[in-house]
Amino acid sequence: MKYLKNVVTLRLEESKCTGCLRCLDVCPHGVLTASNGKVAIADRDACMECGACSRNCPFAALSVSAGVGCAYAVARGGNCDGSPNCC
């Protein structure tokens, strides 16, 4: 599933990544990949901004504003009328 293009708050500070790759295990949409023994962002627009990657990174290499953007809109839509509002 894709949300809106180029609006995801996911950021990677490559210099902080040690290659533990915990983030790969917790990302529900395969946004991240392993590259040269470290993590890389494979598909930023597939990120639902759940925050699992950043909460599980012991080195703070990943950051995301969980609960904003389309992930929040989809969740809110499920609790309201069923339709997401990404605006």
PDB file of N, CA and C in Angstrom:
ATOM      1  N   MET A   1       0.839  -1.179   0.000  1.00  0.00           N
ATOM      2  CA  MET A   1       0.000   0.000   0.000  1.00  0.00           C
ATOM      3  C   MET A   1       0.881   1.238   0.000  1.00  0.00           C
ATOM      4  N   LYS A   2       0.535   2.189  -0.785  1.00  0.00           N
ATOM      5  CA  LYS A   2       1.226   3.479  -0.823  1.00  0.00           C
ATOM      6  C   LYS A   2       0.309   4.534  -0.240  1.00  0.00           C
ATOM      7  N   TYR A   3       0.914   5.511   0.402  1.00  0.00           N
ATOM      8  CA  TYR A   3       0.160   6.617   0.948  1.00  0.00           C
ATOM      9  C   TYR A   3       0.432   7.809   0.032  1.00  0.00           C
ATOM     10  N   LEU A   4       0.611   8.983   0.531  1.00  0.00           N
ATOM     11  CA  LEU A   4       0.930  10.124  -0.313  1.00  0.00           C
ATOM     12  C   LEU A   4       2.421  10.138  -0.624  1.00  0.00           C
ATOM     13  N   LYS A   5       2.787  10.542  -1.817  1.00  0.00           N
ATOM     14  CA  LYS A   5       4.194  10.577  -2.202  1.00  0.00           C
ATOM     15  C   LYS A   5       4.910  11.753  -1.545  1.00  0.00           C
ATOM     16  N   ASN A   6       6.126  11.457  -1.103  1.00  0.00           N
ATOM     17  CA  ASN A   6       7.048  12.473  -0.591  1.00  0.00           C
ATOM     18  C   ASN A   6       6.551  13.254   0.617  1.00  0.00           C
ATOM     19  N   VAL A   7       5.752  12.646   1.476  1.00  0.00           N
ATOM     20  CA  VAL A   7       5.305  13.330   2.690  1.00  0.00           C
ATOM     21  C   VAL A   7       5.736  12.614   3.974  1.00  0.00           C
ATOM     22  N   VAL A   8       6.288  11.436   3.868  1.00  0.00           N
ATOM     23  CA  VAL A   8       6.655  10.636   5.031  1.00  0.00           C
ATOM     24  C   VAL A   8       7.776  11.317   5.816  1.00  0.00           C
ATOM     25  N   THR A   9       7.669  11.270   7.137  1.00  0.00           N
ATOM     26  CA  THR A   9       8.650  11.912   8.014  1.00  0.00           C
ATOM     27  C   THR A   9       9.840  11.015   8.350  1.00  0.00           C
ATOM     28  N   LEU A  10       9.898   9.822   7.808  1.00  0.00           N
ATOM     29  CA  LEU A  10      10.982   8.870   8.079  1.00  0.00           C
ATOM     30  C   LEU A  10      12.335   9.431   7.638  1.00  0.00           C
ATOM     31  N   ARG A  11      13.300   9.379   8.557  1.00  0.00           N
ATOM     32  CA  ARG A  11      14.666   9.827   8.259  1.00  0.00           C
ATOM     33  C   ARG A  11      15.661   8.803   8.775  1.00  0.00           C
ATOM     34  N   LEU A  12      16.773   8.660   8.067  1.00  0.00           N
ATOM     35  CA  LEU A  12      17.851   7.757   8.448  1.00  0.00           C
ATOM     36  C   LEU A  12      19.146   8.540   8.534  1.00  0.00           C
ATOM     37  N   GLU A  13      19.807   8.454   9.686  1.00  0.00           N
ATOM     38  CA  GLU A  13      21.149   9.011   9.839  1.00  0.00           C
ATOM     39  C   GLU A  13      22.117   7.845   9.685  1.00  0.00           C
ATOM     40  N   GLU A  14      22.627   7.684   8.476  1.00  0.00           N
ATOM     41  CA  GLU A  14      23.460   6.529   8.139  1.00  0.00           C
ATOM     42  C   GLU A  14      24.666   6.395   9.055  1.00  0.00           C
ATOM     43  N   SER A  15      25.228   7.502   9.499  1.00  0.00           N
ATOM     44  CA  SER A  15      26.425   7.447  10.340  1.00  0.00           C
ATOM     45  C   SER A  15      26.147   6.820  11.704  1.00  0.00           C
ATOM     46  N   LYS A  16      24.893   6.810  12.146  1.00  0.00           N
ATOM     47  CA  LYS A  16      24.534   6.224  13.442  1.00  0.00           C
ATOM     48  C   LYS A  16      24.198   4.737  13.349  1.00  0.00           C
ATOM     49  N   CYS A  17      23.936   4.249  12.152  1.00  0.00           N
ATOM     50  CA  CYS A  17      23.546   2.849  11.970  1.00  0.00           C
ATOM     51  C   CYS A  17      24.753   1.942  12.168  1.00  0.00           C
ATOM     52  N   THR A  18      24.592   0.936  13.054  1.00  0.00           N
ATOM     53  CA  THR A  18      25.669  -0.020  13.304  1.00  0.00           C
ATOM     54  C   THR A  18      25.441  -1.352  12.597  1.00  0.00           C
ATOM     55  N   GLY A  19      24.288  -1.497  11.961  1.00  0.00           N
ATOM     56  CA  GLY A  19      24.002  -2.722  11.232  1.00  0.00           C
ATOM     57  C   GLY A  19      23.333  -3.804  12.057  1.00  0.00           C
ATOM     58  N   CYS A  20      22.712  -3.459  13.176  1.00  0.00           N
ATOM     59  CA  CYS A  20      22.024  -4.479  13.982  1.00  0.00           C
ATOM     60  C   CYS A  20      20.778  -4.995  13.252  1.00  0.00           C
ATOM     61  N   LEU A  21      20.201  -4.184  12.401  1.00  0.00           N
ATOM     62  CA  LEU A  21      19.069  -4.512  11.530  1.00  0.00           C
ATOM     63  C   LEU A  21      17.792  -4.902  12.271  1.00  0.00           C
ATOM     64  N   ARG A  22      17.650  -4.487  13.522  1.00  0.00           N
ATOM     65  CA  ARG A  22      16.399  -4.727  14.254  1.00  0.00           C
ATOM     66  C   ARG A  22      15.224  -4.109  13.527  1.00  0.00           C
ATOM     67  N   CYS A  23      15.451  -2.983  12.909  1.00  0.00           N
ATOM     68  CA  CYS A  23      14.388  -2.263  12.213  1.00  0.00           C
ATOM     69  C   CYS A  23      13.761  -3.105  11.101  1.00  0.00           C
ATOM     70  N   LEU A  24      14.554  -3.957  10.467  1.00  0.00           N
ATOM     71  CA  LEU A  24      14.021  -4.803   9.402  1.00  0.00           C
ATOM     72  C   LEU A  24      12.993  -5.790   9.946  1.00  0.00           C
ATOM     73  N   ASP A  25      13.218  -6.248  11.185  1.00  0.00           N
ATOM     74  CA  ASP A  25      12.312  -7.219  11.789  1.00  0.00           C
ATOM     75  C   ASP A  25      10.972  -6.608  12.178  1.00  0.00           C
ATOM     76  N   VAL A  26      10.946  -5.326  12.476  1.00  0.00           N
ATOM     77  CA  VAL A  26       9.716  -4.716  13.000  1.00  0.00           C
ATOM     78  C   VAL A  26       8.936  -3.895  11.982  1.00  0.00           C
ATOM     79  N   CYS A  27       9.514  -3.563  10.862  1.00  0.00           N
ATOM     80  CA  CYS A  27       8.809  -2.760   9.861  1.00  0.00           C
ATOM     81  C   CYS A  27       7.730  -3.613   9.182  1.00  0.00           C
ATOM     82  N   PRO A  28       6.454  -3.222   9.316  1.00  0.00           N
ATOM     83  CA  PRO A  28       5.377  -4.039   8.753  1.00  0.00           C
ATOM     84  C   PRO A  28       5.207  -3.936   7.244  1.00  0.00           C
ATOM     85  N   HIS A  29       5.869  -2.965   6.595  1.00  0.00           N
ATOM     86  CA  HIS A  29       5.665  -2.778   5.159  1.00  0.00           C
ATOM     87  C   HIS A  29       6.921  -2.919   4.320  1.00  0.00           C
ATOM     88  N   GLY A  30       8.007  -3.437   4.882  1.00  0.00           N
ATOM     89  CA  GLY A  30       9.217  -3.641   4.091  1.00  0.00           C
ATOM     90  C   GLY A  30       9.809  -2.360   3.547  1.00  0.00           C
ATOM     91  N   VAL A  31       9.711  -1.290   4.314  1.00  0.00           N
ATOM     92  CA  VAL A  31      10.224   0.010   3.885  1.00  0.00           C
ATOM     93  C   VAL A  31      11.743   0.014   3.856  1.00  0.00           C
ATOM     94  N   LEU A  32      12.346  -0.778   4.739  1.00  0.00           N
ATOM     95  CA  LEU A  32      13.799  -0.789   4.906  1.00  0.00           C
ATOM     96  C   LEU A  32      14.419  -2.039   4.308  1.00  0.00           C
ATOM     97  N   THR A  33      15.694  -1.937   3.994  1.00  0.00           N
ATOM     98  CA  THR A  33      16.436  -3.065   3.450  1.00  0.00           C
ATOM     99  C   THR A  33      17.860  -3.028   3.997  1.00  0.00           C
ATOM    100  N   ALA A  34      18.560  -4.139   3.876  1.00  0.00           N
ATOM    101  CA  ALA A  34      19.964  -4.180   4.265  1.00  0.00           C
ATOM    102  C   ALA A  34      20.814  -3.881   3.038  1.00  0.00           C
ATOM    103  N   SER A  35      21.822  -3.030   3.238  1.00  0.00           N
ATOM    104  CA  SER A  35      22.717  -2.665   2.147  1.00  0.00           C
ATOM    105  C   SER A  35      24.115  -2.477   2.715  1.00  0.00           C
ATOM    106  N   ASN A  36      25.038  -3.286   2.268  1.00  0.00           N
ATOM    107  CA  ASN A  36      26.424  -3.224   2.743  1.00  0.00           C
ATOM    108  C   ASN A  36      26.520  -3.345   4.265  1.00  0.00           C
ATOM    109  N   GLY A  37      25.694  -4.222   4.838  1.00  0.00           N
ATOM    110  CA  GLY A  37      25.747  -4.475   6.267  1.00  0.00           C
ATOM    111  C   GLY A  37      25.060  -3.444   7.133  1.00  0.00           C
ATOM    112  N   LYS A  38      24.385  -2.493   6.537  1.00  0.00           N
ATOM    113  CA  LYS A  38      23.642  -1.467   7.279  1.00  0.00           C
ATOM    114  C   LYS A  38      22.253  -1.344   6.689  1.00  0.00           C
ATOM    115  N   VAL A  39      21.422  -0.548   7.344  1.00  0.00           N
ATOM    116  CA  VAL A  39      20.067  -0.359   6.853  1.00  0.00           C
ATOM    117  C   VAL A  39      20.035   0.751   5.798  1.00  0.00           C
ATOM    118  N   ALA A  40      19.086   0.628   4.892  1.00  0.00           N
ATOM    119  CA  ALA A  40      18.837   1.652   3.881  1.00  0.00           C
ATOM    120  C   ALA A  40      17.324   1.737   3.696  1.00  0.00           C
ATOM    121  N   ILE A  41      16.856   2.880   3.267  1.00  0.00           N
ATOM    122  CA  ILE A  41      15.435   3.050   2.999  1.00  0.00           C
ATOM    123  C   ILE A  41      15.171   2.595   1.568  1.00  0.00           C
ATOM    124  N   ALA A  42      14.347   1.555   1.435  1.00  0.00           N
ATOM    125  CA  ALA A  42      14.060   0.988   0.118  1.00  0.00           C
ATOM    126  C   ALA A  42      12.842   1.636  -0.527  1.00  0.00           C
ATOM    127  N   ASP A  43      11.817   1.937   0.278  1.00  0.00           N
ATOM    128  CA  ASP A  43      10.572   2.476  -0.281  1.00  0.00           C
ATOM    129  C   ASP A  43       9.928   3.426   0.730  1.00  0.00           C
ATOM    130  N   ARG A  44      10.422   4.632   0.791  1.00  0.00           N
ATOM    131  CA  ARG A  44       9.957   5.631   1.762  1.00  0.00           C
ATOM    132  C   ARG A  44       8.441   5.840   1.688  1.00  0.00           C
ATOM    133  N   ASP A  45       7.874   5.861   0.499  1.00  0.00           N
ATOM    134  CA  ASP A  45       6.451   6.143   0.344  1.00  0.00           C
ATOM    135  C   ASP A  45       5.550   5.014   0.844  1.00  0.00           C
ATOM    136  N   ALA A  46       6.124   3.844   1.149  1.00  0.00           N
ATOM    137  CA  ALA A  46       5.338   2.745   1.710  1.00  0.00           C
ATOM    138  C   ALA A  46       5.258   2.830   3.230  1.00  0.00           C
ATOM    139  N   CYS A  47       5.981   3.765   3.821  1.00  0.00           N
ATOM    140  CA  CYS A  47       6.011   3.921   5.276  1.00  0.00           C
ATOM    141  C   CYS A  47       4.662   4.431   5.784  1.00  0.00           C
ATOM    142  N   MET A  48       4.124   3.759   6.807  1.00  0.00           N
ATOM    143  CA  MET A  48       2.868   4.193   7.414  1.00  0.00           C
ATOM    144  C   MET A  48       3.100   5.005   8.684  1.00  0.00           C
ATOM    145  N   GLU A  49       4.353   5.330   8.959  1.00  0.00           N
ATOM    146  CA  GLU A  49       4.739   6.168  10.092  1.00  0.00           C
ATOM    147  C   GLU A  49       4.284   5.589  11.426  1.00  0.00           C
ATOM    148  N   CYS A  50       4.391   4.258  11.570  1.00  0.00           N
ATOM    149  CA  CYS A  50       3.995   3.626  12.827  1.00  0.00           C
ATOM    150  C   CYS A  50       5.026   3.855  13.925  1.00  0.00           C
ATOM    151  N   GLY A  51       6.277   4.098  13.547  1.00  0.00           N
ATOM    152  CA  GLY A  51       7.326   4.379  14.516  1.00  0.00           C
ATOM    153  C   GLY A  51       8.043   3.157  15.057  1.00  0.00           C
ATOM    154  N   ALA A  52       7.684   1.965  14.601  1.00  0.00           N
ATOM    155  CA  ALA A  52       8.313   0.746  15.123  1.00  0.00           C
ATOM    156  C   ALA A  52       9.815   0.740  14.883  1.00  0.00           C
ATOM    157  N   CYS A  53      10.254   1.199  13.750  1.00  0.00           N
ATOM    158  CA  CYS A  53      11.685   1.185  13.433  1.00  0.00           C
ATOM    159  C   CYS A  53      12.461   2.102  14.375  1.00  0.00           C
ATOM    160  N   SER A  54      11.963   3.306  14.571  1.00  0.00           N
ATOM    161  CA  SER A  54      12.686   4.259  15.415  1.00  0.00           C
ATOM    162  C   SER A  54      12.656   3.846  16.879  1.00  0.00           C
ATOM    163  N   ARG A  55      11.544   3.278  17.340  1.00  0.00           N
ATOM    164  CA  ARG A  55      11.467   2.839  18.734  1.00  0.00           C
ATOM    165  C   ARG A  55      12.355   1.640  19.009  1.00  0.00           C
ATOM    166  N   ASN A  56      12.685   0.875  18.003  1.00  0.00           N
ATOM    167  CA  ASN A  56      13.505  -0.321  18.182  1.00  0.00           C
ATOM    168  C   ASN A  56      14.956  -0.128  17.776  1.00  0.00           C
ATOM    169  N   CYS A  57      15.341   1.069  17.374  1.00  0.00           N
ATOM    170  CA  CYS A  57      16.726   1.342  17.003  1.00  0.00           C
ATOM    171  C   CYS A  57      17.490   1.819  18.237  1.00  0.00           C
ATOM    172  N   PRO A  58      18.415   1.005  18.744  1.00  0.00           N
ATOM    173  CA  PRO A  58      19.140   1.386  19.961  1.00  0.00           C
ATOM    174  C   PRO A  58      20.149   2.511  19.744  1.00  0.00           C
ATOM    175  N   PHE A  59      20.367   2.899  18.509  1.00  0.00           N
ATOM    176  CA  PHE A  59      21.376   3.911  18.200  1.00  0.00           C
ATOM    177  C   PHE A  59      20.778   5.194  17.627  1.00  0.00           C
ATOM    178  N   ALA A  60      19.449   5.285  17.612  1.00  0.00           N
ATOM    179  CA  ALA A  60      18.732   6.469  17.124  1.00  0.00           C
ATOM    180  C   ALA A  60      19.111   6.843  15.689  1.00  0.00           C
ATOM    181  N   ALA A  61      19.347   5.830  14.874  1.00  0.00           N
ATOM    182  CA  ALA A  61      19.676   6.076  13.474  1.00  0.00           C
ATOM    183  C   ALA A  61      18.428   6.404  12.657  1.00  0.00           C
ATOM    184  N   LEU A  62      17.282   5.939  13.117  1.00  0.00           N
ATOM    185  CA  LEU A  62      16.023   6.175  12.417  1.00  0.00           C
ATOM    186  C   LEU A  62      15.135   7.087  13.247  1.00  0.00           C
ATOM    187  N   SER A  63      14.441   7.966  12.561  1.00  0.00           N
ATOM    188  CA  SER A  63      13.461   8.807  13.234  1.00  0.00           C
ATOM    189  C   SER A  63      12.239   8.936  12.343  1.00  0.00           C
ATOM    190  N   VAL A  64      11.094   9.014  12.976  1.00  0.00           N
ATOM    191  CA  VAL A  64       9.831   9.194  12.268  1.00  0.00           C
ATOM    192  C   VAL A  64       8.850   9.795  13.265  1.00  0.00           C
ATOM    193  N   SER A  65       8.032  10.688  12.803  1.00  0.00           N
ATOM    194  CA  SER A  65       7.002  11.271  13.654  1.00  0.00           C
ATOM    195  C   SER A  65       5.796  10.352  13.614  1.00  0.00           C
ATOM    196  N   ALA A  66       5.789   9.395  14.510  1.00  0.00           N
ATOM    197  CA  ALA A  66       4.719   8.401  14.541  1.00  0.00           C
ATOM    198  C   ALA A  66       3.376   9.061  14.796  1.00  0.00           C
ATOM    199  N   GLY A  67       2.376   8.596  14.068  1.00  0.00           N
ATOM    200  CA  GLY A  67       1.028   9.096  14.269  1.00  0.00           C
ATOM    201  C   GLY A  67       0.679  10.317  13.454  1.00  0.00           C
ATOM    202  N   VAL A  68       1.564  10.747  12.576  1.00  0.00           N
ATOM    203  CA  VAL A  68       1.243  11.875  11.710  1.00  0.00           C
ATOM    204  C   VAL A  68       1.044  11.360  10.294  1.00  0.00           C
ATOM    205  N   GLY A  69       0.668  12.223   9.420  1.00  0.00           N
ATOM    206  CA  GLY A  69       0.533  11.849   8.015  1.00  0.00           C
ATOM    207  C   GLY A  69      -0.569  10.833   7.785  1.00  0.00           C
ATOM    208  N   CYS A  70      -0.381   9.995   6.800  1.00  0.00           N
ATOM    209  CA  CYS A  70      -1.430   9.083   6.373  1.00  0.00           C
ATOM    210  C   CYS A  70      -1.693   7.949   7.340  1.00  0.00           C
ATOM    211  N   ALA A  71      -0.712   7.534   8.119  1.00  0.00           N
ATOM    212  CA  ALA A  71      -0.976   6.481   9.105  1.00  0.00           C
ATOM    213  C   ALA A  71      -2.042   6.959  10.074  1.00  0.00           C
ATOM    214  N   TYR A  72      -1.915   8.192  10.518  1.00  0.00           N
ATOM    215  CA  TYR A  72      -2.910   8.757  11.423  1.00  0.00           C
ATOM    216  C   TYR A  72      -4.265   8.887  10.724  1.00  0.00           C
ATOM    217  N   ALA A  73      -4.234   9.325   9.486  1.00  0.00           N
ATOM    218  CA  ALA A  73      -5.476   9.514   8.742  1.00  0.00           C
ATOM    219  C   ALA A  73      -6.208   8.195   8.541  1.00  0.00           C
ATOM    220  N   VAL A  74      -5.480   7.131   8.251  1.00  0.00           N
ATOM    221  CA  VAL A  74      -6.098   5.822   8.057  1.00  0.00           C
ATOM    222  C   VAL A  74      -6.702   5.338   9.372  1.00  0.00           C
ATOM    223  N   ALA A  75      -5.941   5.483  10.468  1.00  0.00           N
ATOM    224  CA  ALA A  75      -6.444   5.059  11.772  1.00  0.00           C
ATOM    225  C   ALA A  75      -7.664   5.868  12.175  1.00  0.00           C
ATOM    226  N   ARG A  76      -7.613   7.170  11.971  1.00  0.00           N
ATOM    227  CA  ARG A  76      -8.741   8.035  12.313  1.00  0.00           C
ATOM    228  C   ARG A  76      -9.962   7.677  11.471  1.00  0.00           C
ATOM    229  N   GLY A  77      -9.749   7.393  10.201  1.00  0.00           N
ATOM    230  CA  GLY A  77     -10.857   7.012   9.324  1.00  0.00           C
ATOM    231  C   GLY A  77     -11.525   5.743   9.795  1.00  0.00           C
ATOM    232  N   GLY A  78     -10.712   4.797  10.286  1.00  0.00           N
ATOM    233  CA  GLY A  78     -11.277   3.545  10.800  1.00  0.00           C
ATOM    234  C   GLY A  78     -12.130   3.755  12.022  1.00  0.00           C
ATOM    235  N   ASN A  79     -11.794   4.787  12.798  1.00  0.00           N
ATOM    236  CA  ASN A  79     -12.551   5.072  14.013  1.00  0.00           C
ATOM    237  C   ASN A  79     -13.744   5.990  13.756  1.00  0.00           C
ATOM    238  N   CYS A  80     -13.765   6.627  12.609  1.00  0.00           N
ATOM    239  CA  CYS A  80     -14.848   7.578  12.321  1.00  0.00           C
ATOM    240  C   CYS A  80     -15.763   7.017  11.245  1.00  0.00           C
ATOM    241  N   ASP A  81     -15.653   7.507  10.048  1.00  0.00           N
ATOM    242  CA  ASP A  81     -16.565   7.094   8.988  1.00  0.00           C
ATOM    243  C   ASP A  81     -16.003   6.030   8.056  1.00  0.00           C
ATOM    244  N   GLY A  82     -14.746   5.598   8.293  1.00  0.00           N
ATOM    245  CA  GLY A  82     -14.163   4.544   7.486  1.00  0.00           C
ATOM    246  C   GLY A  82     -13.330   5.002   6.330  1.00  0.00           C
ATOM    247  N   SER A  83     -13.353   6.300   6.010  1.00  0.00           N
ATOM    248  CA  SER A  83     -12.559   6.768   4.880  1.00  0.00           C
ATOM    249  C   SER A  83     -11.366   7.603   5.374  1.00  0.00           C
ATOM    250  N   PRO A  84     -10.160   7.283   4.909  1.00  0.00           N
ATOM    251  CA  PRO A  84      -8.993   8.066   5.329  1.00  0.00           C
ATOM    252  C   PRO A  84      -9.024   9.463   4.731  1.00  0.00           C
ATOM    253  N   ASN A  85      -8.473  10.403   5.482  1.00  0.00           N
ATOM    254  CA  ASN A  85      -8.377  11.769   4.996  1.00  0.00           C
ATOM    255  C   ASN A  85      -6.935  12.202   5.181  1.00  0.00           C
ATOM    256  N   CYS A  86      -6.156  12.184   4.125  1.00  0.00           N
ATOM    257  CA  CYS A  86      -4.731  12.483   4.193  1.00  0.00           C
ATOM    258  C   CYS A  86      -4.418  13.954   3.996  1.00  0.00           C
ATOM    259  N   CYS A  87      -5.400  14.805   3.973  1.00  0.00           N
ATOM    260  CA  CYS A  87      -5.152  16.230   3.745  1.00  0.00           C
ATOM    261  C   CYS A  87      -4.867  16.963   5.029  1.00  0.00           C
TER     262      CYS A  87
END
